[in-house]
């Protein structure tokens, strides 16, 4: 009977060690996955900032200050983006 008790106690110690190792490994895996997710989040934020900057360069920022209202011939008023008027390199408006 005492052999069974000793064996059971030995198994409990093995189970406890195995559980501790499993928890330690799980913690490491979770930390690595969290680091990967944080790196991906930074990459997405950087790509979003680049996209927004490029979009603004291509389409203008479309804010009120970027929209110009022109009086053409005295009878007609038209709105145009500043970016459109300055898009031709070397032109007087682009300088």
PDB file of N, CA and C in Angstrom:
ATOM      1  N   UNK A   1       0.820  -1.203   0.000  1.00  0.00           N
ATOM      2  CA  UNK A   1       0.000   0.000   0.000  1.00  0.00           C
ATOM      3  C   UNK A   1       0.860   1.262   0.000  1.00  0.00           C
ATOM      4  N   UNK A   2       1.985   1.216   0.720  1.00  0.00           N
ATOM      5  CA  UNK A   2       2.860   2.382   0.759  1.00  0.00           C
ATOM      6  C   UNK A   2       3.569   2.588  -0.571  1.00  0.00           C
ATOM      7  N   UNK A   3       3.790   1.522  -1.348  1.00  0.00           N
ATOM      8  CA  UNK A   3       4.380   1.676  -2.678  1.00  0.00           C
ATOM      9  C   UNK A   3       3.440   2.439  -3.592  1.00  0.00           C
ATOM     10  N   UNK A   4       2.168   2.113  -3.512  1.00  0.00           N
ATOM     11  CA  UNK A   4       1.179   2.805  -4.338  1.00  0.00           C
ATOM     12  C   UNK A   4       1.102   4.270  -3.943  1.00  0.00           C
ATOM     13  N   UNK A   5       1.179   4.559  -2.673  1.00  0.00           N
ATOM     14  CA  UNK A   5       1.143   5.933  -2.185  1.00  0.00           C
ATOM     15  C   UNK A   5       2.359   6.692  -2.679  1.00  0.00           C
ATOM     16  N   UNK A   6       3.520   6.086  -2.643  1.00  0.00           N
ATOM     17  CA  UNK A   6       4.752   6.716  -3.114  1.00  0.00           C
ATOM     18  C   UNK A   6       4.686   6.932  -4.618  1.00  0.00           C
ATOM     19  N   UNK A   7       4.187   5.943  -5.347  1.00  0.00           N
ATOM     20  CA  UNK A   7       4.071   6.075  -6.799  1.00  0.00           C
ATOM     21  C   UNK A   7       3.092   7.176  -7.155  1.00  0.00           C
ATOM     22  N   UNK A   8       1.986   7.244  -6.422  1.00  0.00           N
ATOM     23  CA  UNK A   8       0.988   8.276  -6.688  1.00  0.00           C
ATOM     24  C   UNK A   8       1.576   9.655  -6.437  1.00  0.00           C
ATOM     25  N   UNK A   9       2.341   9.784  -5.347  1.00  0.00           N
ATOM     26  CA  UNK A   9       2.976  11.066  -5.033  1.00  0.00           C
ATOM     27  C   UNK A   9       3.988  11.431  -6.118  1.00  0.00           C
ATOM     28  N   UNK A  10       4.744  10.455  -6.605  1.00  0.00           N
ATOM     29  CA  UNK A  10       5.701  10.686  -7.677  1.00  0.00           C
ATOM     30  C   UNK A  10       5.010  11.127  -8.945  1.00  0.00           C
ATOM     31  N   UNK A  11       3.882  10.536  -9.260  1.00  0.00           N
ATOM     32  CA  UNK A  11       3.103  10.922 -10.439  1.00  0.00           C
ATOM     33  C   UNK A  11       2.558  12.332 -10.293  1.00  0.00           C
ATOM     34  N   UNK A  12       2.113  12.685  -9.083  1.00  0.00           N
ATOM     35  CA  UNK A  12       1.613  14.037  -8.841  1.00  0.00           C
ATOM     36  C   UNK A  12       2.709  15.062  -9.074  1.00  0.00           C
ATOM     37  N   UNK A  13       3.934  14.748  -8.626  1.00  0.00           N
ATOM     38  CA  UNK A  13       5.069  15.658  -8.841  1.00  0.00           C
ATOM     39  C   UNK A  13       5.365  15.793 -10.326  1.00  0.00           C
ATOM     40  N   UNK A  14       5.316  14.665 -11.045  1.00  0.00           N
ATOM     41  CA  UNK A  14       5.540  14.683 -12.491  1.00  0.00           C
ATOM     42  C   UNK A  14       4.467  15.511 -13.190  1.00  0.00           C
ATOM     43  N   UNK A  15       3.209  15.335 -12.771  1.00  0.00           N
ATOM     44  CA  UNK A  15       2.103  16.089 -13.358  1.00  0.00           C
ATOM     45  C   UNK A  15       2.263  17.576 -13.096  1.00  0.00           C
ATOM     46  N   UNK A  16       2.691  17.908 -11.887  1.00  0.00           N
ATOM     47  CA  UNK A  16       2.875  19.314 -11.520  1.00  0.00           C
ATOM     48  C   UNK A  16       4.004  19.927 -12.342  1.00  0.00           C
ATOM     49  N   UNK A  17       5.101  19.200 -12.502  1.00  0.00           N
ATOM     50  CA  UNK A  17       6.231  19.684 -13.300  1.00  0.00           C
ATOM     51  C   UNK A  17       5.815  19.836 -14.753  1.00  0.00           C
ATOM     52  N   UNK A  18       5.093  18.849 -15.253  1.00  0.00           N
ATOM     53  CA  UNK A  18       4.626  18.900 -16.633  1.00  0.00           C
ATOM     54  C   UNK A  18       3.693  20.089 -16.848  1.00  0.00           C
ATOM     55  N   UNK A  19       2.826  20.337 -15.893  1.00  0.00           N
ATOM     56  CA  UNK A  19       1.904  21.467 -15.978  1.00  0.00           C
ATOM     57  C   UNK A  19       2.667  22.787 -15.945  1.00  0.00           C
ATOM     58  N   UNK A  20       3.655  22.887 -15.066  1.00  0.00           N
ATOM     59  CA  UNK A  20       4.471  24.107 -14.989  1.00  0.00           C
ATOM     60  C   UNK A  20       5.218  24.353 -16.298  1.00  0.00           C
ATOM     61  N   UNK A  21       5.770  23.298 -16.879  1.00  0.00           N
ATOM     62  CA  UNK A  21       6.480  23.427 -18.156  1.00  0.00           C
ATOM     63  C   UNK A  21       5.532  23.857 -19.268  1.00  0.00           C
ATOM     64  N   UNK A  22       4.346  23.278 -19.273  1.00  0.00           N
ATOM     65  CA  UNK A  22       3.348  23.618 -20.282  1.00  0.00           C
ATOM     66  C   UNK A  22       2.937  25.076 -20.165  1.00  0.00           C
ATOM     67  N   UNK A  23       2.708  25.529 -18.933  1.00  0.00           N
ATOM     68  CA  UNK A  23       2.335  26.925 -18.720  1.00  0.00           C
ATOM     69  C   UNK A  23       3.468  27.874 -19.120  1.00  0.00           C
ATOM     70  N   UNK A  24       4.697  27.496 -18.816  1.00  0.00           N
ATOM     71  CA  UNK A  24       5.843  28.325 -19.194  1.00  0.00           C
ATOM     72  C   UNK A  24       5.958  28.406 -20.713  1.00  0.00           C
ATOM     73  N   UNK A  25       5.785  27.266 -21.382  1.00  0.00           N
ATOM     74  CA  UNK A  25       5.851  27.246 -22.850  1.00  0.00           C
ATOM     75  C   UNK A  25       4.715  28.058 -23.457  1.00  0.00           C
ATOM     76  N   UNK A  26       3.535  27.941 -22.878  1.00  0.00           N
ATOM     77  CA  UNK A  26       2.386  28.697 -23.370  1.00  0.00           C
ATOM     78  C   UNK A  26       2.627  30.199 -23.219  1.00  0.00           C
ATOM     79  N   UNK A  27       3.199  30.594 -22.113  1.00  0.00           N
ATOM     80  CA  UNK A  27       3.521  32.010 -21.889  1.00  0.00           C
ATOM     81  C   UNK A  27       4.500  32.514 -22.939  1.00  0.00           C
ATOM     82  N   UNK A  28       5.514  31.715 -23.246  1.00  0.00           N
ATOM     83  CA  UNK A  28       6.488  32.109 -24.282  1.00  0.00           C
ATOM     84  C   UNK A  28       5.827  32.231 -25.645  1.00  0.00           C
ATOM     85  N   UNK A  29       4.979  31.280 -25.988  1.00  0.00           N
ATOM     86  CA  UNK A  29       4.287  31.313 -27.281  1.00  0.00           C
ATOM     87  C   UNK A  29       3.411  32.554 -27.373  1.00  0.00           C
ATOM     88  N   UNK A  30       2.682  32.851 -26.304  1.00  0.00           N
ATOM     89  CA  UNK A  30       1.806  34.024 -26.306  1.00  0.00           C
ATOM     90  C   UNK A  30       2.598  35.323 -26.421  1.00  0.00           C
ATOM     91  N   UNK A  31       3.733  35.404 -25.764  1.00  0.00           N
ATOM     92  CA  UNK A  31       4.573  36.608 -25.856  1.00  0.00           C
ATOM     93  C   UNK A  31       5.088  36.794 -27.280  1.00  0.00           C
ATOM     94  N   UNK A  32       5.502  35.703 -27.909  1.00  0.00           N
ATOM     95  CA  UNK A  32       5.986  35.790 -29.291  1.00  0.00           C
ATOM     96  C   UNK A  32       4.870  36.227 -30.232  1.00  0.00           C
ATOM     97  N   UNK A  33       3.678  35.662 -30.044  1.00  0.00           N
ATOM     98  CA  UNK A  33       2.545  36.031 -30.894  1.00  0.00           C
ATOM     99  C   UNK A  33       2.156  37.493 -30.671  1.00  0.00           C
ATOM    100  N   UNK A  34       2.226  37.947 -29.431  1.00  0.00           N
ATOM    101  CA  UNK A  34       1.919  39.346 -29.140  1.00  0.00           C
ATOM    102  C   UNK A  34       2.932  40.262 -29.817  1.00  0.00           C
ATOM    103  N   UNK A  35       4.206  39.882 -29.790  1.00  0.00           N
ATOM    104  CA  UNK A  35       5.238  40.679 -30.443  1.00  0.00           C
ATOM    105  C   UNK A  35       4.999  40.745 -31.950  1.00  0.00           C
ATOM    106  N   UNK A  36       4.643  39.618 -32.557  1.00  0.00           N
ATOM    107  CA  UNK A  36       4.359  39.589 -33.997  1.00  0.00           C
ATOM    108  C   UNK A  36       3.170  40.495 -34.314  1.00  0.00           C
ATOM    109  N   UNK A  37       2.127  40.428 -33.490  1.00  0.00           N
ATOM    110  CA  UNK A  37       0.951  41.274 -33.722  1.00  0.00           C
ATOM    111  C   UNK A  37       1.293  42.754 -33.575  1.00  0.00           C
ATOM    112  N   UNK A  38       2.113  43.088 -32.592  1.00  0.00           N
ATOM    113  CA  UNK A  38       2.511  44.486 -32.425  1.00  0.00           C
ATOM    114  C   UNK A  38       3.324  44.977 -33.618  1.00  0.00           C
ATOM    115  N   UNK A  39       4.205  44.122 -34.145  1.00  0.00           N
ATOM    116  CA  UNK A  39       4.990  44.489 -35.320  1.00  0.00           C
ATOM    117  C   UNK A  39       4.077  44.687 -36.526  1.00  0.00           C
ATOM    118  N   UNK A  40       3.101  43.822 -36.685  1.00  0.00           N
ATOM    119  CA  UNK A  40       2.153  43.954 -37.799  1.00  0.00           C
ATOM    120  C   UNK A  40       1.318  45.229 -37.647  1.00  0.00           C
ATOM    121  N   UNK A  41       0.937  45.524 -36.428  1.00  0.00           N
ATOM    122  CA  UNK A  41       0.153  46.736 -36.180  1.00  0.00           C
ATOM    123  C   UNK A  41       0.960  47.987 -36.545  1.00  0.00           C
ATOM    124  N   UNK A  42       2.246  47.978 -36.205  1.00  0.00           N
ATOM    125  CA  UNK A  42       3.104  49.104 -36.573  1.00  0.00           C
ATOM    126  C   UNK A  42       3.247  49.209 -38.089  1.00  0.00           C
ATOM    127  N   UNK A  43       3.368  48.076 -38.758  1.00  0.00           N
ATOM    128  CA  UNK A  43       3.487  48.080 -40.220  1.00  0.00           C
ATOM    129  C   UNK A  43       2.208  48.611 -40.862  1.00  0.00           C
ATOM    130  N   UNK A  44       1.063  48.229 -40.326  1.00  0.00           N
ATOM    131  CA  UNK A  44      -0.216  48.715 -40.865  1.00  0.00           C
ATOM    132  C   UNK A  44      -0.345  50.224 -40.638  1.00  0.00           C
ATOM    133  N   UNK A  45       0.045  50.687 -39.456  1.00  0.00           N
ATOM    134  CA  UNK A  45      -0.027  52.124 -39.170  1.00  0.00           C
ATOM    135  C   UNK A  45       0.889  52.908 -40.110  1.00  0.00           C
ATOM    136  N   UNK A  46       2.072  52.374 -40.373  1.00  0.00           N
ATOM    137  CA  UNK A  46       3.011  53.037 -41.281  1.00  0.00           C
ATOM    138  C   UNK A  46       2.456  53.049 -42.709  1.00  0.00           C
ATOM    139  N   UNK A  47       1.886  51.925 -43.139  1.00  0.00           N
ATOM    140  CA  UNK A  47       1.308  51.845 -44.487  1.00  0.00           C
ATOM    141  C   UNK A  47       0.109  52.785 -44.623  1.00  0.00           C
ATOM    142  N   UNK A  48      -0.685  52.905 -43.580  1.00  0.00           N
ATOM    143  CA  UNK A  48      -1.836  53.811 -43.598  1.00  0.00           C
ATOM    144  C   UNK A  48      -1.376  55.257 -43.719  1.00  0.00           C
ATOM    145  N   UNK A  49      -0.350  55.615 -42.968  1.00  0.00           N
ATOM    146  CA  UNK A  49       0.176  56.982 -43.044  1.00  0.00           C
ATOM    147  C   UNK A  49       0.717  57.272 -44.441  1.00  0.00           C
ATOM    148  N   UNK A  50       1.424  56.312 -45.026  1.00  0.00           N
ATOM    149  CA  UNK A  50       1.961  56.482 -46.380  1.00  0.00           C
ATOM    150  C   UNK A  50       0.826  56.615 -47.387  1.00  0.00           C
ATOM    151  N   UNK A  51      -0.191  55.780 -47.260  1.00  0.00           N
ATOM    152  CA  UNK A  51      -1.337  55.845 -48.167  1.00  0.00           C
ATOM    153  C   UNK A  51      -2.028  57.202 -48.063  1.00  0.00           C
ATOM    154  N   UNK A  52      -2.253  57.677 -46.863  1.00  0.00           N
ATOM    155  CA  UNK A  52      -2.907  58.976 -46.679  1.00  0.00           C
ATOM    156  C   UNK A  52      -2.076  60.112 -47.267  1.00  0.00           C
ATOM    157  N   UNK A  53      -0.755  60.039 -47.083  1.00  0.00           N
ATOM    158  CA  UNK A  53       0.124  61.067 -47.642  1.00  0.00           C
ATOM    159  C   UNK A  53       0.083  61.027 -49.174  1.00  0.00           C
ATOM    160  N   UNK A  54       0.182  59.825 -49.739  1.00  0.00           N
ATOM    161  CA  UNK A  54       0.143  59.685 -51.199  1.00  0.00           C
ATOM    162  C   UNK A  54      -1.205  60.119 -51.770  1.00  0.00           C
ATOM    163  N   UNK A  55      -2.278  59.772 -51.086  1.00  0.00           N
ATOM    164  CA  UNK A  55      -3.612  60.165 -51.536  1.00  0.00           C
ATOM    165  C   UNK A  55      -3.735  61.685 -51.552  1.00  0.00           C
ATOM    166  N   UNK A  56      -3.190  62.322 -50.524  1.00  0.00           N
ATOM    167  CA  UNK A  56      -3.241  63.778 -50.455  1.00  0.00           C
ATOM    168  C   UNK A  56      -2.429  64.410 -51.588  1.00  0.00           C
ATOM    169  N   UNK A  57      -1.286  63.797 -51.917  1.00  0.00           N
ATOM    170  CA  UNK A  57      -0.460  64.321 -53.009  1.00  0.00           C
ATOM    171  C   UNK A  57      -1.163  64.180 -54.360  1.00  0.00           C
ATOM    172  N   UNK A  58      -1.843  63.069 -54.554  1.00  0.00           N
ATOM    173  CA  UNK A  58      -2.490  62.812 -55.838  1.00  0.00           C
ATOM    174  C   UNK A  58      -3.782  63.606 -55.990  1.00  0.00           C
ATOM    175  N   UNK A  59      -4.602  63.588 -54.968  1.00  0.00           N
ATOM    176  CA  UNK A  59      -5.926  64.192 -55.071  1.00  0.00           C
ATOM    177  C   UNK A  59      -6.032  65.542 -54.379  1.00  0.00           C
ATOM    178  N   UNK A  60      -4.967  66.007 -53.767  1.00  0.00           N
ATOM    179  CA  UNK A  60      -5.038  67.227 -52.976  1.00  0.00           C
ATOM    180  C   UNK A  60      -5.683  66.901 -51.649  1.00  0.00           C
ATOM    181  N   UNK A  61      -5.531  67.790 -50.710  1.00  0.00           N
ATOM    182  CA  UNK A  61      -6.102  67.462 -49.405  1.00  0.00           C
ATOM    183  C   UNK A  61      -7.591  67.763 -49.330  1.00  0.00           C
ATOM    184  N   UNK A  62      -8.125  68.400 -50.337  1.00  0.00           N
ATOM    185  CA  UNK A  62      -9.554  68.697 -50.462  1.00  0.00           C
ATOM    186  C   UNK A  62     -10.104  69.503 -49.284  1.00  0.00           C
ATOM    187  N   UNK A  63      -9.229  70.159 -48.573  1.00  0.00           N
ATOM    188  CA  UNK A  63      -9.718  71.049 -47.529  1.00  0.00           C
ATOM    189  C   UNK A  63     -10.175  72.344 -48.189  1.00  0.00           C
ATOM    190  N   UNK A  64     -10.865  73.186 -47.439  1.00  0.00           N
ATOM    191  CA  UNK A  64     -11.378  74.436 -48.003  1.00  0.00           C
ATOM    192  C   UNK A  64     -10.260  75.284 -48.593  1.00  0.00           C
ATOM    193  N   UNK A  65      -9.081  75.246 -47.986  1.00  0.00           N
ATOM    194  CA  UNK A  65      -7.982  76.069 -48.497  1.00  0.00           C
ATOM    195  C   UNK A  65      -7.405  75.513 -49.796  1.00  0.00           C
ATOM    196  N   UNK A  66      -7.631  74.236 -50.088  1.00  0.00           N
ATOM    197  CA  UNK A  66      -7.106  73.624 -51.305  1.00  0.00           C
ATOM    198  C   UNK A  66      -8.064  73.797 -52.484  1.00  0.00           C
ATOM    199  N   UNK A  67      -9.315  74.179 -52.226  1.00  0.00           N
ATOM    200  CA  UNK A  67     -10.296  74.398 -53.285  1.00  0.00           C
ATOM    201  C   UNK A  67     -10.310  75.884 -53.632  1.00  0.00           C
ATOM    202  N   UNK A  68     -10.030  76.179 -54.904  1.00  0.00           N
ATOM    203  CA  UNK A  68     -10.014  77.575 -55.351  1.00  0.00           C
ATOM    204  C   UNK A  68     -11.274  77.847 -56.169  1.00  0.00           C
ATOM    205  N   UNK A  69     -11.888  78.984 -55.913  1.00  0.00           N
ATOM    206  CA  UNK A  69     -13.069  79.394 -56.674  1.00  0.00           C
ATOM    207  C   UNK A  69     -12.632  80.483 -57.655  1.00  0.00           C
ATOM    208  N   UNK A  70     -12.743  80.207 -58.936  1.00  0.00           N
ATOM    209  CA  UNK A  70     -12.264  81.112 -59.970  1.00  0.00           C
ATOM    210  C   UNK A  70     -13.435  81.796 -60.680  1.00  0.00           C
ATOM    211  N   UNK A  71     -13.263  83.074 -60.913  1.00  0.00           N
ATOM    212  CA  UNK A  71     -14.232  83.827 -61.707  1.00  0.00           C
ATOM    213  C   UNK A  71     -13.717  83.803 -63.132  1.00  0.00           C
ATOM    214  N   UNK A  72     -14.419  83.102 -63.998  1.00  0.00           N
ATOM    215  CA  UNK A  72     -13.980  82.925 -65.379  1.00  0.00           C
ATOM    216  C   UNK A  72     -14.875  83.758 -66.286  1.00  0.00           C
ATOM    217  N   UNK A  73     -14.333  84.800 -66.865  1.00  0.00           N
ATOM    218  CA  UNK A  73     -15.073  85.639 -67.802  1.00  0.00           C
ATOM    219  C   UNK A  73     -16.121  86.520 -67.138  1.00  0.00           C
ATOM    220  N   UNK A  74     -16.140  86.618 -65.843  1.00  0.00           N
ATOM    221  CA  UNK A  74     -17.062  87.497 -65.149  1.00  0.00           C
ATOM    222  C   UNK A  74     -18.442  86.926 -64.930  1.00  0.00           C
ATOM    223  N   UNK A  75     -18.856  85.932 -65.698  1.00  0.00           N
ATOM    224  CA  UNK A  75     -20.203  85.381 -65.560  1.00  0.00           C
ATOM    225  C   UNK A  75     -20.215  84.017 -64.883  1.00  0.00           C
ATOM    226  N   UNK A  76     -19.118  83.315 -64.983  1.00  0.00           N
ATOM    227  CA  UNK A  76     -19.106  81.939 -64.503  1.00  0.00           C
ATOM    228  C   UNK A  76     -18.059  81.784 -63.403  1.00  0.00           C
ATOM    229  N   UNK A  77     -18.440  81.132 -62.321  1.00  0.00           N
ATOM    230  CA  UNK A  77     -17.500  80.819 -61.249  1.00  0.00           C
ATOM    231  C   UNK A  77     -17.328  79.312 -61.211  1.00  0.00           C
ATOM    232  N   UNK A  78     -16.088  78.882 -61.097  1.00  0.00           N
ATOM    233  CA  UNK A  78     -15.844  77.444 -61.024  1.00  0.00           C
ATOM    234  C   UNK A  78     -14.896  77.140 -59.869  1.00  0.00           C
ATOM    235  N   UNK A  79     -15.035  75.968 -59.320  1.00  0.00           N
ATOM    236  CA  UNK A  79     -14.166  75.517 -58.232  1.00  0.00           C
ATOM    237  C   UNK A  79     -13.172  74.522 -58.808  1.00  0.00           C
ATOM    238  N   UNK A  80     -11.939  74.654 -58.398  1.00  0.00           N
ATOM    239  CA  UNK A  80     -10.886  73.767 -58.883  1.00  0.00           C
ATOM    240  C   UNK A  80      -9.911  73.522 -57.737  1.00  0.00           C
ATOM    241  N   UNK A  81      -9.330  72.342 -57.732  1.00  0.00           N
ATOM    242  CA  UNK A  81      -8.321  72.040 -56.724  1.00  0.00           C
ATOM    243  C   UNK A  81      -7.008  72.718 -57.085  1.00  0.00           C
ATOM    244  N   UNK A  82      -6.349  73.250 -56.094  1.00  0.00           N
ATOM    245  CA  UNK A  82      -5.041  73.883 -56.295  1.00  0.00           C
ATOM    246  C   UNK A  82      -4.092  72.888 -56.958  1.00  0.00           C
ATOM    247  N   UNK A  83      -4.182  71.639 -56.584  1.00  0.00           N
ATOM    248  CA  UNK A  83      -3.320  70.595 -57.120  1.00  0.00           C
ATOM    249  C   UNK A  83      -3.481  70.474 -58.640  1.00  0.00           C
ATOM    250  N   UNK A  84      -4.685  70.651 -59.142  1.00  0.00           N
ATOM    251  CA  UNK A  84      -4.932  70.560 -60.586  1.00  0.00           C
ATOM    252  C   UNK A  84      -4.210  71.675 -61.324  1.00  0.00           C
ATOM    253  N   UNK A  85      -4.261  72.873 -60.768  1.00  0.00           N
ATOM    254  CA  UNK A  85      -3.636  74.015 -61.435  1.00  0.00           C
ATOM    255  C   UNK A  85      -2.115  73.956 -61.405  1.00  0.00           C
ATOM    256  N   UNK A  86      -1.569  73.308 -60.402  1.00  0.00           N
ATOM    257  CA  UNK A  86      -0.111  73.278 -60.263  1.00  0.00           C
ATOM    258  C   UNK A  86       0.494  71.947 -60.701  1.00  0.00           C
ATOM    259  N   UNK A  87      -0.274  71.089 -61.349  1.00  0.00           N
ATOM    260  CA  UNK A  87       0.203  69.749 -61.693  1.00  0.00           C
ATOM    261  C   UNK A  87       1.180  69.708 -62.867  1.00  0.00           C
ATOM    262  N   UNK A  88       1.203  70.728 -63.721  1.00  0.00           N
ATOM    263  CA  UNK A  88       2.100  70.714 -64.882  1.00  0.00           C
ATOM    264  C   UNK A  88       3.433  71.336 -64.460  1.00  0.00           C
ATOM    265  N   UNK A  89       4.445  70.460 -64.370  1.00  0.00           N
ATOM    266  CA  UNK A  89       5.759  70.932 -63.953  1.00  0.00           C
ATOM    267  C   UNK A  89       6.311  71.938 -64.960  1.00  0.00           C
ATOM    268  N   UNK A  90       6.956  72.974 -64.441  1.00  0.00           N
ATOM    269  CA  UNK A  90       7.561  73.992 -65.292  1.00  0.00           C
ATOM    270  C   UNK A  90       6.593  75.091 -65.714  1.00  0.00           C
ATOM    271  N   UNK A  91       5.319  74.943 -65.420  1.00  0.00           N
ATOM    272  CA  UNK A  91       4.355  75.980 -65.790  1.00  0.00           C
ATOM    273  C   UNK A  91       4.448  77.131 -64.766  1.00  0.00           C
ATOM    274  N   UNK A  92       3.888  78.287 -65.142  1.00  0.00           N
ATOM    275  CA  UNK A  92       3.925  79.438 -64.233  1.00  0.00           C
ATOM    276  C   UNK A  92       3.143  79.146 -62.952  1.00  0.00           C
ATOM    277  N   UNK A  93       2.062  78.414 -63.062  1.00  0.00           N
ATOM    278  CA  UNK A  93       1.274  78.125 -61.876  1.00  0.00           C
ATOM    279  C   UNK A  93       1.956  77.133 -60.943  1.00  0.00           C
ATOM    280  N   UNK A  94       2.790  76.263 -61.486  1.00  0.00           N
ATOM    281  CA  UNK A  94       3.478  75.267 -60.680  1.00  0.00           C
ATOM    282  C   UNK A  94       4.638  75.870 -59.886  1.00  0.00           C
ATOM    283  N   UNK A  95       5.133  76.993 -60.289  1.00  0.00           N
ATOM    284  CA  UNK A  95       6.295  77.556 -59.592  1.00  0.00           C
ATOM    285  C   UNK A  95       5.939  78.313 -58.363  1.00  0.00           C
TER     286      UNK A  95
END
